[in-house]
């Protein structure tokens, strides 16, 4: 009997980084093949949390020397590929496409708190410009 709920899984940073950078090739290919089988053959949904996206963002820039713009574009590409989606949906894609201040981490933090029904408190003037964020 098939469950009425689609099985949902979350990836960690190592998987998202492999999907974005494609290195090492063997790990990249293994990740793609395994995830495709889960999505296409088993009907599972695969997600990346805000924390995983933020960690991957820093890792790709720091360890692979990618620019901010290239990192955002690559993450957006993977997260809209149909293989892996952002757990928090469209808000994350919009944050990735907003190169101006406040930065990606501030946007992801505010998004997590908003989803939990909380207002974000900050001392940062730029972060305070986001919806549902209050400057102390």
N, C-alpha and C. Protein backbone atom coordinates (compact mmCIF):
# COMPACT_ATOMS: atom_id res chain seq x y z
N UNK A 1 0.85 -1.18 0.00
CA UNK A 1 0.00 0.00 0.00
C UNK A 1 0.89 1.25 0.00
N UNK A 2 0.58 2.19 -0.86
CA UNK A 2 1.35 3.43 -0.97
C UNK A 2 0.84 4.44 0.06
N UNK A 3 1.77 5.05 0.76
CA UNK A 3 1.43 6.05 1.77
C UNK A 3 0.85 7.29 1.09
N UNK A 4 -0.17 7.90 1.71
CA UNK A 4 -0.73 9.11 1.12
C UNK A 4 0.21 10.31 1.21
N UNK A 5 1.23 10.21 2.04
CA UNK A 5 2.19 11.29 2.18
C UNK A 5 3.43 10.98 1.34
N UNK A 6 3.89 11.97 0.60
CA UNK A 6 5.12 11.82 -0.16
C UNK A 6 6.29 11.81 0.81
N UNK A 7 7.15 10.81 0.71
CA UNK A 7 8.33 10.80 1.58
C UNK A 7 9.21 12.02 1.29
N UNK A 8 9.59 12.73 2.33
CA UNK A 8 10.39 13.94 2.20
C UNK A 8 11.70 13.75 2.95
N UNK A 9 12.79 14.18 2.30
CA UNK A 9 14.12 14.04 2.88
C UNK A 9 14.86 15.37 2.80
N UNK A 10 15.78 15.58 3.73
CA UNK A 10 16.61 16.77 3.73
C UNK A 10 18.06 16.40 3.52
N UNK A 11 18.75 17.18 2.70
CA UNK A 11 20.18 16.93 2.47
C UNK A 11 21.02 17.78 3.41
N UNK A 12 22.28 17.39 3.56
CA UNK A 12 23.21 18.20 4.35
C UNK A 12 24.08 19.03 3.40
N UNK A 13 24.97 19.80 3.97
CA UNK A 13 25.80 20.72 3.21
C UNK A 13 26.70 19.98 2.22
N UNK A 14 27.23 18.82 2.60
CA UNK A 14 28.14 18.11 1.70
C UNK A 14 27.45 17.74 0.39
N UNK A 15 26.19 17.37 0.45
CA UNK A 15 25.46 17.00 -0.76
C UNK A 15 25.22 18.24 -1.63
N UNK A 16 24.77 19.33 -1.02
CA UNK A 16 24.49 20.54 -1.81
C UNK A 16 25.76 21.08 -2.45
N UNK A 17 26.86 21.08 -1.73
CA UNK A 17 28.12 21.57 -2.30
C UNK A 17 28.52 20.70 -3.49
N UNK A 18 28.41 19.38 -3.38
CA UNK A 18 28.74 18.50 -4.51
C UNK A 18 27.87 18.81 -5.72
N UNK A 19 26.58 19.02 -5.48
CA UNK A 19 25.67 19.31 -6.59
C UNK A 19 26.01 20.63 -7.28
N UNK A 20 26.50 21.58 -6.51
CA UNK A 20 26.83 22.90 -7.07
C UNK A 20 28.17 22.87 -7.80
N UNK A 21 29.20 22.32 -7.17
CA UNK A 21 30.56 22.42 -7.75
C UNK A 21 30.91 21.26 -8.67
N UNK A 22 30.21 20.12 -8.51
CA UNK A 22 30.48 18.98 -9.39
C UNK A 22 31.80 18.28 -9.13
N UNK A 23 32.40 18.54 -7.99
CA UNK A 23 33.70 17.93 -7.65
C UNK A 23 33.64 17.31 -6.26
N UNK A 24 34.36 16.25 -6.04
CA UNK A 24 34.96 15.39 -7.05
C UNK A 24 33.87 14.75 -7.90
N UNK A 25 34.22 14.49 -9.13
CA UNK A 25 33.27 13.97 -10.13
C UNK A 25 32.55 12.71 -9.66
N UNK A 26 33.29 11.79 -9.02
CA UNK A 26 32.66 10.53 -8.57
C UNK A 26 31.59 10.79 -7.51
N UNK A 27 31.86 11.69 -6.57
CA UNK A 27 30.87 12.04 -5.54
C UNK A 27 29.68 12.76 -6.15
N UNK A 28 29.97 13.66 -7.09
CA UNK A 28 28.90 14.40 -7.77
C UNK A 28 27.98 13.42 -8.50
N UNK A 29 28.55 12.54 -9.28
CA UNK A 29 27.76 11.58 -10.07
C UNK A 29 26.96 10.67 -9.15
N UNK A 30 27.58 10.20 -8.06
CA UNK A 30 26.88 9.35 -7.10
C UNK A 30 25.68 10.09 -6.49
N UNK A 31 25.90 11.34 -6.09
CA UNK A 31 24.81 12.13 -5.49
C UNK A 31 23.67 12.35 -6.48
N UNK A 32 24.01 12.73 -7.70
CA UNK A 32 22.97 12.97 -8.71
C UNK A 32 22.19 11.69 -8.98
N UNK A 33 22.90 10.59 -9.20
CA UNK A 33 22.22 9.32 -9.50
C UNK A 33 21.32 8.87 -8.36
N UNK A 34 21.82 8.96 -7.13
CA UNK A 34 21.03 8.53 -5.97
C UNK A 34 19.80 9.42 -5.79
N UNK A 35 19.99 10.72 -5.90
CA UNK A 35 18.85 11.63 -5.72
C UNK A 35 17.84 11.49 -6.85
N UNK A 36 18.31 11.33 -8.09
CA UNK A 36 17.39 11.13 -9.20
C UNK A 36 16.55 9.87 -8.99
N UNK A 37 17.17 8.81 -8.53
CA UNK A 37 16.42 7.58 -8.27
C UNK A 37 15.37 7.82 -7.19
N UNK A 38 15.72 8.54 -6.15
CA UNK A 38 14.76 8.82 -5.08
C UNK A 38 13.59 9.66 -5.58
N UNK A 39 13.88 10.66 -6.39
CA UNK A 39 12.84 11.57 -6.88
C UNK A 39 12.01 10.91 -7.97
N UNK A 40 12.68 10.37 -8.98
CA UNK A 40 11.98 9.85 -10.15
C UNK A 40 11.39 8.46 -9.94
N UNK A 41 12.12 7.56 -9.30
CA UNK A 41 11.66 6.19 -9.14
C UNK A 41 10.82 5.97 -7.88
N UNK A 42 11.16 6.69 -6.82
CA UNK A 42 10.49 6.47 -5.53
C UNK A 42 9.50 7.56 -5.19
N UNK A 43 9.47 8.64 -5.97
CA UNK A 43 8.53 9.72 -5.73
C UNK A 43 8.81 10.55 -4.49
N UNK A 44 10.05 10.56 -4.06
CA UNK A 44 10.42 11.34 -2.87
C UNK A 44 10.67 12.79 -3.22
N UNK A 45 10.58 13.64 -2.22
CA UNK A 45 10.92 15.06 -2.36
C UNK A 45 12.17 15.31 -1.53
N UNK A 46 13.12 16.04 -2.12
CA UNK A 46 14.39 16.30 -1.48
C UNK A 46 14.51 17.80 -1.23
N UNK A 47 14.90 18.18 -0.01
CA UNK A 47 14.96 19.59 0.37
C UNK A 47 16.31 19.97 0.97
N UNK A 48 16.62 21.27 0.88
CA UNK A 48 17.78 21.86 1.55
C UNK A 48 17.28 22.95 2.48
N UNK A 49 17.67 22.89 3.74
CA UNK A 49 17.25 23.88 4.73
C UNK A 49 18.01 25.19 4.55
N UNK A 50 17.53 26.24 5.20
CA UNK A 50 18.23 27.53 5.17
C UNK A 50 19.65 27.40 5.70
N UNK A 51 19.84 26.60 6.74
CA UNK A 51 21.17 26.43 7.31
C UNK A 51 22.10 25.76 6.30
N UNK A 52 21.63 24.74 5.62
CA UNK A 52 22.44 24.05 4.61
C UNK A 52 22.78 25.00 3.47
N UNK A 53 21.81 25.78 3.02
CA UNK A 53 22.05 26.73 1.93
C UNK A 53 23.08 27.77 2.35
N UNK A 54 22.95 28.29 3.56
CA UNK A 54 23.92 29.27 4.06
C UNK A 54 25.32 28.69 4.18
N UNK A 55 25.43 27.49 4.71
CA UNK A 55 26.74 26.85 4.84
C UNK A 55 27.35 26.59 3.46
N UNK A 56 26.54 26.13 2.52
CA UNK A 56 27.04 25.87 1.17
C UNK A 56 27.50 27.17 0.51
N UNK A 57 26.77 28.24 0.74
CA UNK A 57 27.11 29.56 0.19
C UNK A 57 28.52 29.97 0.63
N UNK A 58 28.81 29.83 1.92
CA UNK A 58 30.13 30.18 2.44
C UNK A 58 31.20 29.20 1.96
N UNK A 59 30.91 27.93 2.00
CA UNK A 59 31.87 26.90 1.59
C UNK A 59 32.29 27.08 0.14
N UNK A 60 31.35 27.31 -0.73
CA UNK A 60 31.66 27.44 -2.16
C UNK A 60 32.54 28.66 -2.43
N UNK A 61 32.26 29.75 -1.73
CA UNK A 61 33.10 30.93 -1.92
C UNK A 61 34.48 30.73 -1.32
N UNK A 62 34.52 30.22 -0.10
CA UNK A 62 35.79 30.09 0.62
C UNK A 62 36.70 29.01 0.03
N UNK A 63 36.16 27.83 -0.20
CA UNK A 63 37.00 26.71 -0.63
C UNK A 63 37.16 26.58 -2.14
N UNK A 64 36.23 27.15 -2.90
CA UNK A 64 36.30 27.01 -4.35
C UNK A 64 36.55 28.36 -5.05
N UNK A 65 36.63 29.45 -4.27
CA UNK A 65 36.96 30.75 -4.83
C UNK A 65 35.91 31.36 -5.72
N UNK A 66 34.68 30.92 -5.61
CA UNK A 66 33.60 31.46 -6.45
C UNK A 66 33.18 32.83 -5.94
N UNK A 67 32.76 33.67 -6.84
CA UNK A 67 32.28 35.00 -6.46
C UNK A 67 30.89 34.89 -5.84
N UNK A 68 30.48 35.94 -5.16
CA UNK A 68 29.14 36.00 -4.58
C UNK A 68 28.08 35.77 -5.66
N UNK A 69 28.20 36.48 -6.76
CA UNK A 69 27.22 36.38 -7.85
C UNK A 69 27.17 34.97 -8.43
N UNK A 70 28.34 34.38 -8.69
CA UNK A 70 28.37 33.03 -9.24
C UNK A 70 27.83 32.00 -8.26
N UNK A 71 28.13 32.18 -6.98
CA UNK A 71 27.63 31.24 -5.97
C UNK A 71 26.12 31.30 -5.87
N UNK A 72 25.58 32.50 -5.83
CA UNK A 72 24.11 32.65 -5.78
C UNK A 72 23.45 32.02 -7.00
N UNK A 73 24.02 32.28 -8.18
CA UNK A 73 23.45 31.73 -9.42
C UNK A 73 23.51 30.20 -9.42
N UNK A 74 24.63 29.65 -8.98
CA UNK A 74 24.79 28.19 -8.96
C UNK A 74 23.83 27.54 -7.96
N UNK A 75 23.70 28.14 -6.79
CA UNK A 75 22.75 27.61 -5.81
C UNK A 75 21.32 27.68 -6.34
N UNK A 76 20.98 28.79 -6.96
CA UNK A 76 19.64 28.94 -7.54
C UNK A 76 19.40 27.87 -8.60
N UNK A 77 20.39 27.63 -9.43
CA UNK A 77 20.27 26.62 -10.48
C UNK A 77 19.98 25.23 -9.89
N UNK A 78 20.74 24.85 -8.89
CA UNK A 78 20.53 23.53 -8.27
C UNK A 78 19.17 23.47 -7.57
N UNK A 79 18.81 24.54 -6.88
CA UNK A 79 17.57 24.54 -6.09
C UNK A 79 16.32 24.70 -6.94
N UNK A 80 16.48 24.94 -8.23
CA UNK A 80 15.33 25.01 -9.14
C UNK A 80 15.40 23.90 -10.19
N UNK A 81 16.31 22.96 -10.00
CA UNK A 81 16.55 21.90 -10.99
C UNK A 81 15.49 20.81 -10.98
N UNK A 82 14.71 20.74 -9.92
CA UNK A 82 13.75 19.65 -9.78
C UNK A 82 14.30 18.48 -8.99
N UNK A 83 15.58 18.52 -8.70
CA UNK A 83 16.22 17.46 -7.92
C UNK A 83 16.15 17.77 -6.43
N UNK A 84 16.48 19.01 -6.08
CA UNK A 84 16.48 19.48 -4.70
C UNK A 84 15.78 20.84 -4.68
N UNK A 85 14.97 21.07 -3.67
CA UNK A 85 14.26 22.35 -3.54
C UNK A 85 14.59 22.97 -2.19
N UNK A 86 14.51 24.31 -2.10
CA UNK A 86 14.70 24.93 -0.79
C UNK A 86 13.52 24.58 0.12
N UNK A 87 13.81 24.15 1.32
CA UNK A 87 12.76 23.78 2.27
C UNK A 87 11.76 24.91 2.47
N UNK A 88 12.27 26.14 2.48
CA UNK A 88 11.39 27.29 2.71
C UNK A 88 10.92 27.96 1.43
N UNK A 89 11.05 27.27 0.32
CA UNK A 89 10.41 27.67 -0.93
C UNK A 89 10.90 28.95 -1.57
N UNK A 90 9.95 29.65 -2.16
CA UNK A 90 10.20 30.83 -2.98
C UNK A 90 10.95 31.93 -2.23
N UNK A 91 10.73 32.08 -0.94
CA UNK A 91 11.42 33.12 -0.17
C UNK A 91 12.93 32.95 -0.25
N UNK A 92 13.39 31.72 -0.27
CA UNK A 92 14.83 31.46 -0.35
C UNK A 92 15.36 31.82 -1.74
N UNK A 93 14.61 31.47 -2.76
CA UNK A 93 15.02 31.80 -4.12
C UNK A 93 15.09 33.32 -4.30
N UNK A 94 14.14 34.02 -3.72
CA UNK A 94 14.17 35.49 -3.78
C UNK A 94 15.38 36.04 -3.02
N UNK A 95 15.71 35.45 -1.88
CA UNK A 95 16.88 35.88 -1.11
C UNK A 95 18.16 35.66 -1.91
N UNK A 96 18.24 34.55 -2.62
CA UNK A 96 19.41 34.27 -3.45
C UNK A 96 19.54 35.25 -4.61
N UNK A 97 18.43 35.78 -5.05
CA UNK A 97 18.42 36.70 -6.18
C UNK A 97 18.53 38.16 -5.76
N UNK A 98 18.67 38.44 -4.47
CA UNK A 98 18.79 39.80 -3.95
C UNK A 98 20.23 40.09 -3.57
N UNK A 99 21.01 40.66 -4.48
CA UNK A 99 22.42 40.90 -4.19
C UNK A 99 22.67 42.09 -3.27
N UNK A 100 21.67 42.93 -3.09
CA UNK A 100 21.89 44.11 -2.25
C UNK A 100 21.79 43.77 -0.77
N UNK A 101 22.18 44.72 0.03
CA UNK A 101 22.15 44.58 1.47
C UNK A 101 20.71 44.68 1.95
N UNK A 102 20.29 43.96 2.97
CA UNK A 102 21.06 43.02 3.76
C UNK A 102 21.40 41.76 2.98
N UNK A 103 22.40 41.05 3.47
CA UNK A 103 22.92 39.90 2.77
C UNK A 103 22.09 38.64 2.89
N UNK A 104 22.58 37.60 2.26
CA UNK A 104 21.86 36.33 2.20
C UNK A 104 21.61 35.76 3.60
N UNK A 105 22.63 35.75 4.46
CA UNK A 105 22.43 35.18 5.80
C UNK A 105 21.36 35.93 6.58
N UNK A 106 21.38 37.25 6.53
CA UNK A 106 20.34 38.02 7.23
C UNK A 106 18.96 37.66 6.71
N UNK A 107 18.83 37.50 5.42
CA UNK A 107 17.54 37.15 4.83
C UNK A 107 17.09 35.75 5.25
N UNK A 108 18.03 34.81 5.30
CA UNK A 108 17.69 33.45 5.71
C UNK A 108 17.31 33.39 7.19
N UNK A 109 18.01 34.15 8.01
CA UNK A 109 17.70 34.22 9.45
C UNK A 109 16.29 34.77 9.65
N UNK A 110 16.00 35.89 9.01
CA UNK A 110 14.67 36.52 9.15
C UNK A 110 13.58 35.58 8.64
N UNK A 111 13.86 34.86 7.56
CA UNK A 111 12.89 33.92 7.01
C UNK A 111 12.59 32.80 7.99
N UNK A 112 13.63 32.23 8.62
CA UNK A 112 13.41 31.17 9.60
C UNK A 112 12.55 31.64 10.77
N UNK A 113 12.88 32.80 11.30
CA UNK A 113 12.09 33.32 12.43
C UNK A 113 10.65 33.61 12.02
N UNK A 114 10.47 34.19 10.83
CA UNK A 114 9.11 34.51 10.36
C UNK A 114 8.29 33.23 10.26
N UNK A 115 8.88 32.17 9.75
CA UNK A 115 8.17 30.90 9.60
C UNK A 115 7.78 30.31 10.96
N UNK A 116 8.56 30.64 11.98
CA UNK A 116 8.25 30.17 13.33
C UNK A 116 7.29 31.12 14.05
N UNK A 117 6.84 32.16 13.35
CA UNK A 117 5.90 33.12 13.94
C UNK A 117 6.57 34.14 14.83
N UNK A 118 7.87 34.34 14.64
CA UNK A 118 8.61 35.27 15.48
C UNK A 118 9.05 36.49 14.68
N UNK A 119 9.19 37.60 15.37
CA UNK A 119 9.79 38.78 14.78
C UNK A 119 11.28 38.73 15.10
N UNK A 120 12.10 39.18 14.17
CA UNK A 120 13.54 39.17 14.36
C UNK A 120 13.99 40.47 14.99
N UNK A 121 14.86 40.39 15.98
CA UNK A 121 15.46 41.57 16.59
C UNK A 121 16.90 41.67 16.14
N UNK A 122 17.33 42.89 15.82
CA UNK A 122 18.69 43.09 15.33
C UNK A 122 19.22 44.46 15.74
N UNK A 123 20.53 44.58 15.74
CA UNK A 123 21.18 45.87 15.90
C UNK A 123 21.64 46.42 14.55
N UNK A 124 21.50 45.63 13.53
CA UNK A 124 21.95 45.99 12.18
C UNK A 124 20.90 46.82 11.45
N UNK A 125 21.27 48.03 11.05
CA UNK A 125 20.32 48.92 10.35
C UNK A 125 19.80 48.32 9.05
N UNK A 126 20.70 47.70 8.30
CA UNK A 126 20.28 47.14 7.01
C UNK A 126 19.35 45.94 7.19
N UNK A 127 19.65 45.09 8.14
CA UNK A 127 18.78 43.94 8.38
C UNK A 127 17.40 44.41 8.83
N UNK A 128 17.36 45.50 9.56
CA UNK A 128 16.10 46.03 10.07
C UNK A 128 15.16 46.51 8.96
N UNK A 129 15.67 46.60 7.74
CA UNK A 129 14.81 46.99 6.62
C UNK A 129 13.98 45.83 6.08
N UNK A 130 14.29 44.63 6.51
CA UNK A 130 13.53 43.46 6.05
C UNK A 130 12.18 43.41 6.75
N UNK A 131 11.19 42.79 6.10
CA UNK A 131 9.89 42.63 6.73
C UNK A 131 10.00 41.81 8.02
N UNK A 132 9.23 42.18 9.01
CA UNK A 132 9.15 41.46 10.28
C UNK A 132 10.47 41.44 11.06
N UNK A 133 11.29 42.48 10.82
CA UNK A 133 12.55 42.63 11.54
C UNK A 133 12.53 43.98 12.24
N UNK A 134 12.87 43.97 13.51
CA UNK A 134 12.85 45.21 14.32
C UNK A 134 14.25 45.50 14.83
N UNK A 135 14.63 46.76 14.71
CA UNK A 135 15.92 47.18 15.23
C UNK A 135 15.79 47.51 16.71
N UNK A 136 16.70 46.97 17.52
CA UNK A 136 16.72 47.26 18.96
C UNK A 136 17.18 48.68 19.20
